[in-house]
PDB file of N, CA and C in Angstrom:
ATOM      1  N   MET A   1     117.619 100.937 125.377  1.00  0.00           N
ATOM      2  CA  MET A   1     116.706  99.975 124.835  1.00  0.00           C
ATOM      3  C   MET A   1     115.685 100.177 125.576  1.00  0.00           C
ATOM      4  N   ALA A   2     114.661 100.047 124.540  1.00  0.00           N
ATOM      5  CA  ALA A   2     113.285 100.444 124.553  1.00  0.00           C
ATOM      6  C   ALA A   2     112.596  99.252 125.726  1.00  0.00           C
ATOM      7  N   GLY A   3     111.824  99.860 126.674  1.00  0.00           N
ATOM      8  CA  GLY A   3     110.968  98.360 127.270  1.00  0.00           C
ATOM      9  C   GLY A   3     109.931  97.843 126.657  1.00  0.00           C
ATOM     10  N   LYS A   4     109.580  96.999 127.279  1.00  0.00           N
ATOM     11  CA  LYS A   4     108.455  95.931 126.344  1.00  0.00           C
ATOM     12  C   LYS A   4     107.108  97.167 126.314  1.00  0.00           C
ATOM     13  N   LEU A   5     106.451  96.688 125.259  1.00  0.00           N
ATOM     14  CA  LEU A   5     105.263  97.515 125.175  1.00  0.00           C
ATOM     15  C   LEU A   5     103.958  96.265 125.790  1.00  0.00           C
ATOM     16  N   ARG A   6     102.785  96.918 125.965  1.00  0.00           N
ATOM     17  CA  ARG A   6     101.597  96.258 126.306  1.00  0.00           C
ATOM     18  C   ARG A   6     100.699  97.043 125.820  1.00  0.00           C
ATOM     19  N   VAL A   7      99.303  96.883 125.280  1.00  0.00           N
ATOM     20  CA  VAL A   7      98.266  97.192 124.938  1.00  0.00           C
ATOM     21  C   VAL A   7      97.090  97.227 125.805  1.00  0.00           C
ATOM     22  N   ARG A   8      96.290  97.978 125.963  1.00  0.00           N
ATOM     23  CA  ARG A   8      95.158  97.769 126.868  1.00  0.00           C
ATOM     24  C   ARG A   8      93.902  98.720 126.014  1.00  0.00           C
ATOM     25  N   VAL A   9      92.709  97.875 126.293  1.00  0.00           N
ATOM     26  CA  VAL A   9      91.360  98.655 125.518  1.00  0.00           C
ATOM     27  C   VAL A   9      90.668  99.217 126.433  1.00  0.00           C
ATOM     28  N   ASP A  10      90.342 100.282 126.683  1.00  0.00           N
ATOM     29  CA  ASP A  10      89.049 100.791 127.605  1.00  0.00           C
ATOM     30  C   ASP A  10      88.122 100.736 127.373  1.00  0.00           C
ATOM     31  N   GLN A  11      87.237  99.644 127.889  1.00  0.00           N
ATOM     32  CA  GLN A  11      86.094  98.883 127.567  1.00  0.00           C
ATOM     33  C   GLN A  11      84.770 100.057 127.356  1.00  0.00           C
ATOM     34  N   GLU A  12      85.080 101.023 128.486  1.00  0.00           N
ATOM     35  CA  GLU A  12      84.086 102.182 128.312  1.00  0.00           C
ATOM     36  C   GLU A  12      84.102 102.901 127.411  1.00  0.00           C
ATOM     37  N   LYS A  13      84.936 102.909 126.588  1.00  0.00           N
ATOM     38  CA  LYS A  13      85.477 103.994 125.338  1.00  0.00           C
ATOM     39  C   LYS A  13      84.978 103.044 124.150  1.00  0.00           C
ATOM     40  N   CYS A  14      85.528 101.787 123.819  1.00  0.00           N
ATOM     41  CA  CYS A  14      85.322 101.013 122.609  1.00  0.00           C
ATOM     42  C   CYS A  14      83.998 100.896 122.356  1.00  0.00           C
ATOM     43  N   GLN A  15      83.696 101.285 121.033  1.00  0.00           N
ATOM     44  CA  GLN A  15      82.473 101.338 120.174  1.00  0.00           C
ATOM     45  C   GLN A  15      82.256 100.301 119.228  1.00  0.00           C
ATOM     46  N   GLY A  16      83.523  99.373 119.125  1.00  0.00           N
ATOM     47  CA  GLY A  16      83.221  98.415 118.226  1.00  0.00           C
ATOM     48  C   GLY A  16      83.584  98.382 116.693  1.00  0.00           C
ATOM     49  N   HIS A  17      84.639  99.629 116.379  1.00  0.00           N
ATOM     50  CA  HIS A  17      84.958  99.727 115.061  1.00  0.00           C
ATOM     51  C   HIS A  17      85.667  98.975 114.513  1.00  0.00           C
ATOM     52  N   ALA A  18      86.392  98.149 115.217  1.00  0.00           N
ATOM     53  CA  ALA A  18      87.246  97.153 114.940  1.00  0.00           C
ATOM     54  C   ALA A  18      88.542  97.595 114.301  1.00  0.00           C
ATOM     55  N   ARG A  19      88.838  98.617 114.146  1.00  0.00           N
ATOM     56  CA  ARG A  19      90.001  99.113 113.279  1.00  0.00           C
ATOM     57  C   ARG A  19      91.376  98.344 114.093  1.00  0.00           C
ATOM     58  N   CYS A  20      91.569  98.335 115.231  1.00  0.00           N
ATOM     59  CA  CYS A  20      92.370  97.966 115.973  1.00  0.00           C
ATOM     60  C   CYS A  20      92.758  96.201 115.488  1.00  0.00           C
ATOM     61  N   ARG A  21      91.899  95.495 115.186  1.00  0.00           N
ATOM     62  CA  ARG A  21      91.782  94.300 114.831  1.00  0.00           C
ATOM     63  C   ARG A  21      92.108  94.144 113.389  1.00  0.00           C
ATOM     64  N   SER A  22      91.522  94.943 112.739  1.00  0.00           N
ATOM     65  CA  SER A  22      92.189  95.017 111.177  1.00  0.00           C
ATOM     66  C   SER A  22      93.451  95.488 110.856  1.00  0.00           C
ATOM     67  N   LEU A  23      94.276  96.340 112.074  1.00  0.00           N
ATOM     68  CA  LEU A  23      95.549  96.496 111.595  1.00  0.00           C
ATOM     69  C   LEU A  23      96.350  95.832 112.036  1.00  0.00           C
ATOM     70  N   ALA A  24      95.996  95.458 113.402  1.00  0.00           N
ATOM     71  CA  ALA A  24      96.581  94.279 114.408  1.00  0.00           C
ATOM     72  C   ALA A  24      95.963  93.206 115.015  1.00  0.00           C
ATOM     73  N   PRO A  25      95.855  91.963 113.946  1.00  0.00           N
ATOM     74  CA  PRO A  25      94.936  91.074 114.562  1.00  0.00           C
ATOM     75  C   PRO A  25      95.741  90.205 115.560  1.00  0.00           C
ATOM     76  N   GLU A  26      96.929  90.165 115.614  1.00  0.00           N
ATOM     77  CA  GLU A  26      97.999  89.356 116.513  1.00  0.00           C
ATOM     78  C   GLU A  26      97.663  90.036 118.239  1.00  0.00           C
ATOM     79  N   LEU A  27      97.299  91.264 117.884  1.00  0.00           N
ATOM     80  CA  LEU A  27      97.184  91.959 119.298  1.00  0.00           C
ATOM     81  C   LEU A  27      95.811  92.464 119.969  1.00  0.00           C
ATOM     82  N   PHE A  28      94.624  92.325 119.100  1.00  0.00           N
ATOM     83  CA  PHE A  28      93.360  92.397 119.502  1.00  0.00           C
ATOM     84  C   PHE A  28      92.538  91.317 119.206  1.00  0.00           C
ATOM     85  N   GLU A  29      91.415  91.027 119.823  1.00  0.00           N
ATOM     86  CA  GLU A  29      90.584  90.094 119.701  1.00  0.00           C
ATOM     87  C   GLU A  29      89.083  90.841 119.857  1.00  0.00           C
ATOM     88  N   LEU A  30      88.109  90.386 119.049  1.00  0.00           N
ATOM     89  CA  LEU A  30      86.819  91.139 119.316  1.00  0.00           C
ATOM     90  C   LEU A  30      85.847  89.895 120.290  1.00  0.00           C
ATOM     91  N   ASP A  31      84.641  90.424 121.249  1.00  0.00           N
ATOM     92  CA  ASP A  31      83.815  89.917 121.935  1.00  0.00           C
ATOM     93  C   ASP A  31      82.696  89.614 120.990  1.00  0.00           C
ATOM     94  N   SER A  32      81.863  88.933 121.337  1.00  0.00           N
ATOM     95  CA  SER A  32      80.317  88.683 121.050  1.00  0.00           C
ATOM     96  C   SER A  32      79.604  90.259 120.165  1.00  0.00           C
ATOM     97  N   PHE A  33      79.932  90.833 121.069  1.00  0.00           N
ATOM     98  CA  PHE A  33      79.490  92.495 120.486  1.00  0.00           C
ATOM     99  C   PHE A  33      80.210  93.047 119.406  1.00  0.00           C
ATOM    100  N   GLY A  34      81.117  92.690 119.286  1.00  0.00           N
ATOM    101  CA  GLY A  34      82.453  93.335 118.208  1.00  0.00           C
ATOM    102  C   GLY A  34      83.181  94.146 118.747  1.00  0.00           C
ATOM    103  N   ASN A  35      83.031  94.237 120.120  1.00  0.00           N
ATOM    104  CA  ASN A  35      84.296  95.091 121.007  1.00  0.00           C
ATOM    105  C   ASN A  35      85.386  94.708 121.039  1.00  0.00           C
ATOM    106  N   ALA A  36      86.412  95.536 120.917  1.00  0.00           N
ATOM    107  CA  ALA A  36      87.997  94.984 121.021  1.00  0.00           C
ATOM    108  C   ALA A  36      88.578  94.665 122.638  1.00  0.00           C
ATOM    109  N   HIS A  37      89.044  93.992 122.488  1.00  0.00           N
ATOM    110  CA  HIS A  37      89.944  93.534 123.916  1.00  0.00           C
ATOM    111  C   HIS A  37      91.335  92.974 123.334  1.00  0.00           C
ATOM    112  N   GLU A  38      92.126  93.275 124.475  1.00  0.00           N
ATOM    113  CA  GLU A  38      93.707  93.009 124.118  1.00  0.00           C
ATOM    114  C   GLU A  38      93.715  91.521 123.728  1.00  0.00           C
ATOM    115  N   ALA A  39      94.944  91.240 123.395  1.00  0.00           N
ATOM    116  CA  ALA A  39      94.723  89.426 123.132  1.00  0.00           C
ATOM    117  C   ALA A  39      95.911  89.163 124.174  1.00  0.00           C
ATOM    118  N   GLY A  40      95.343  87.689 125.079  1.00  0.00           N
ATOM    119  CA  GLY A  40      96.097  87.427 126.251  1.00  0.00           C
ATOM    120  C   GLY A  40      96.226  88.515 126.922  1.00  0.00           C
ATOM    121  N   ASP A  41      97.455  88.777 127.559  1.00  0.00           N
ATOM    122  CA  ASP A  41      97.571  89.673 128.834  1.00  0.00           C
ATOM    123  C   ASP A  41      97.713  91.085 128.195  1.00  0.00           C
ATOM    124  N   GLY A  42      98.075  91.495 127.011  1.00  0.00           N
ATOM    125  CA  GLY A  42      98.147  92.650 126.136  1.00  0.00           C
ATOM    126  C   GLY A  42      99.480  92.987 125.845  1.00  0.00           C
ATOM    127  N   SER A  43     100.630  91.912 126.226  1.00  0.00           N
ATOM    128  CA  SER A  43     101.679  92.223 126.011  1.00  0.00           C
ATOM    129  C   SER A  43     102.105  92.242 124.416  1.00  0.00           C
ATOM    130  N   VAL A  44     102.889  92.987 123.976  1.00  0.00           N
ATOM    131  CA  VAL A  44     103.121  93.042 122.358  1.00  0.00           C
ATOM    132  C   VAL A  44     104.589  92.518 122.194  1.00  0.00           C
ATOM    133  N   PRO A  45     104.514  91.251 121.230  1.00  0.00           N
ATOM    134  CA  PRO A  45     105.447  90.698 121.009  1.00  0.00           C
ATOM    135  C   PRO A  45     106.528  91.384 120.314  1.00  0.00           C
ATOM    136  N   PRO A  46     107.985  91.093 120.254  1.00  0.00           N
ATOM    137  CA  PRO A  46     108.869  91.806 119.836  1.00  0.00           C
ATOM    138  C   PRO A  46     108.459  91.732 118.204  1.00  0.00           C
ATOM    139  N   GLY A  47     108.811  92.771 117.301  1.00  0.00           N
ATOM    140  CA  GLY A  47     108.784  93.242 116.089  1.00  0.00           C
ATOM    141  C   GLY A  47     107.066  93.596 115.664  1.00  0.00           C
ATOM    142  N   LEU A  48     106.327  93.573 116.732  1.00  0.00           N
ATOM    143  CA  LEU A  48     104.796  93.889 116.513  1.00  0.00           C
ATOM    144  C   LEU A  48     104.404  95.607 117.084  1.00  0.00           C
ATOM    145  N   GLU A  49     105.754  96.173 117.804  1.00  0.00           N
ATOM    146  CA  GLU A  49     105.574  97.332 118.124  1.00  0.00           C
ATOM    147  C   GLU A  49     104.770  98.653 117.261  1.00  0.00           C
ATOM    148  N   ASP A  50     105.052  98.644 115.852  1.00  0.00           N
ATOM    149  CA  ASP A  50     104.917  99.460 114.983  1.00  0.00           C
ATOM    150  C   ASP A  50     103.075  98.921 115.036  1.00  0.00           C
ATOM    151  N   LYS A  51     102.729  97.910 114.943  1.00  0.00           N
ATOM    152  CA  LYS A  51     101.280  97.654 114.954  1.00  0.00           C
ATOM    153  C   LYS A  51     100.492  98.134 115.998  1.00  0.00           C
ATOM    154  N   ALA A  52     101.116  97.997 117.410  1.00  0.00           N
ATOM    155  CA  ALA A  52     100.568  98.506 118.329  1.00  0.00           C
ATOM    156  C   ALA A  52     100.389 100.173 118.372  1.00  0.00           C
ATOM    157  N   TRP A  53     101.238 100.721 117.780  1.00  0.00           N
ATOM    158  CA  TRP A  53     101.344 102.436 118.085  1.00  0.00           C
ATOM    159  C   TRP A  53     100.413 102.752 116.617  1.00  0.00           C
ATOM    160  N   LEU A  54     100.244 101.783 115.500  1.00  0.00           N
ATOM    161  CA  LEU A  54      99.458 102.225 114.582  1.00  0.00           C
ATOM    162  C   LEU A  54      98.049 101.874 114.890  1.00  0.00           C
ATOM    163  N   ALA A  55      97.623 101.067 115.608  1.00  0.00           N
ATOM    164  CA  ALA A  55      96.199 100.758 116.258  1.00  0.00           C
ATOM    165  C   ALA A  55      95.932 101.777 117.145  1.00  0.00           C
ATOM    166  N   GLN A  56      96.783 102.018 117.770  1.00  0.00           N
ATOM    167  CA  GLN A  56      96.429 103.394 118.732  1.00  0.00           C
ATOM    168  C   GLN A  56      95.950 104.612 118.084  1.00  0.00           C
ATOM    169  N   SER A  57      96.743 104.588 117.135  1.00  0.00           N
ATOM    170  CA  SER A  57      96.464 106.052 116.241  1.00  0.00           C
ATOM    171  C   SER A  57      95.617 106.112 115.723  1.00  0.00           C
ATOM    172  N   ASN A  58      94.797 104.887 114.934  1.00  0.00           N
ATOM    173  CA  ASN A  58      93.625 104.739 114.338  1.00  0.00           C
ATOM    174  C   ASN A  58      92.457 104.242 115.006  1.00  0.00           C
ATOM    175  N   CYS A  59      92.772 104.784 116.068  1.00  0.00           N
ATOM    176  CA  CYS A  59      91.223 104.247 117.135  1.00  0.00           C
ATOM    177  C   CYS A  59      90.728 105.447 117.138  1.00  0.00           C
ATOM    178  N   PRO A  60      89.124 105.453 116.676  1.00  0.00           N
ATOM    179  CA  PRO A  60      88.633 106.851 116.603  1.00  0.00           C
ATOM    180  C   PRO A  60      88.053 107.368 117.732  1.00  0.00           C
ATOM    181  N   GLU A  61      87.552 106.134 118.629  1.00  0.00           N
ATOM    182  CA  GLU A  61      87.346 106.511 120.125  1.00  0.00           C
ATOM    183  C   GLU A  61      88.405 106.707 121.460  1.00  0.00           C
ATOM    184  N   MET A  62      89.645 106.655 120.745  1.00  0.00           N
ATOM    185  CA  MET A  62      90.691 106.760 121.722  1.00  0.00           C
ATOM    186  C   MET A  62      90.940 105.753 122.619  1.00  0.00           C
ATOM    187  N   ALA A  63      90.592 104.585 122.400  1.00  0.00           N
ATOM    188  CA  ALA A  63      90.097 103.117 123.481  1.00  0.00           C
ATOM    189  C   ALA A  63      91.422 102.633 123.677  1.00  0.00           C
ATOM    190  N   ILE A  64      92.581 102.902 122.854  1.00  0.00           N
ATOM    191  CA  ILE A  64      93.541 102.214 123.225  1.00  0.00           C
ATOM    192  C   ILE A  64      94.795 102.739 123.845  1.00  0.00           C
ATOM    193  N   GLU A  65      95.248 102.419 124.932  1.00  0.00           N
ATOM    194  CA  GLU A  65      96.524 102.671 125.272  1.00  0.00           C
ATOM    195  C   GLU A  65      97.799 101.777 125.201  1.00  0.00           C
ATOM    196  N   VAL A  66      98.856 102.262 124.849  1.00  0.00           N
ATOM    197  CA  VAL A  66     100.197 101.550 124.819  1.00  0.00           C
ATOM    198  C   VAL A  66     101.011 102.132 125.999  1.00  0.00           C
ATOM    199  N   ILE A  67     101.252 101.043 126.520  1.00  0.00           N
ATOM    200  CA  ILE A  67     101.933 101.245 128.039  1.00  0.00           C
ATOM    201  C   ILE A  67     103.209 100.474 127.740  1.00  0.00           C
ATOM    202  N   GLU A  68     104.399 101.582 127.998  1.00  0.00           N
ATOM    203  CA  GLU A  68     105.618 101.320 127.836  1.00  0.00           C
ATOM    204  C   GLU A  68     106.554 101.010 129.188  1.00  0.00           C
ATOM    205  N   GLU A  69     106.358  99.553 129.218  1.00  0.00           N
ATOM    206  CA  GLU A  69     107.284  99.064 130.742  1.00  0.00           C
ATOM    207  C   GLU A  69     108.550  99.112 130.959  1.00  0.00           C
TER     208      GLU A  69
END
């Protein structure tokens, strides 16, 4: 069985494209500048794993890390 997933946004790389927020609004929030950060502690709820990987693969700055725990 696969472990739990967690997402993390590298604030130094994020340029505010917000594709992650568009693709996985349950997993990402935007700050007042439009830059993304992980919602809560970054834990990916069951059933949203595909959205986490989709957000990572669609980030033009490669700022999203999906961590398998």
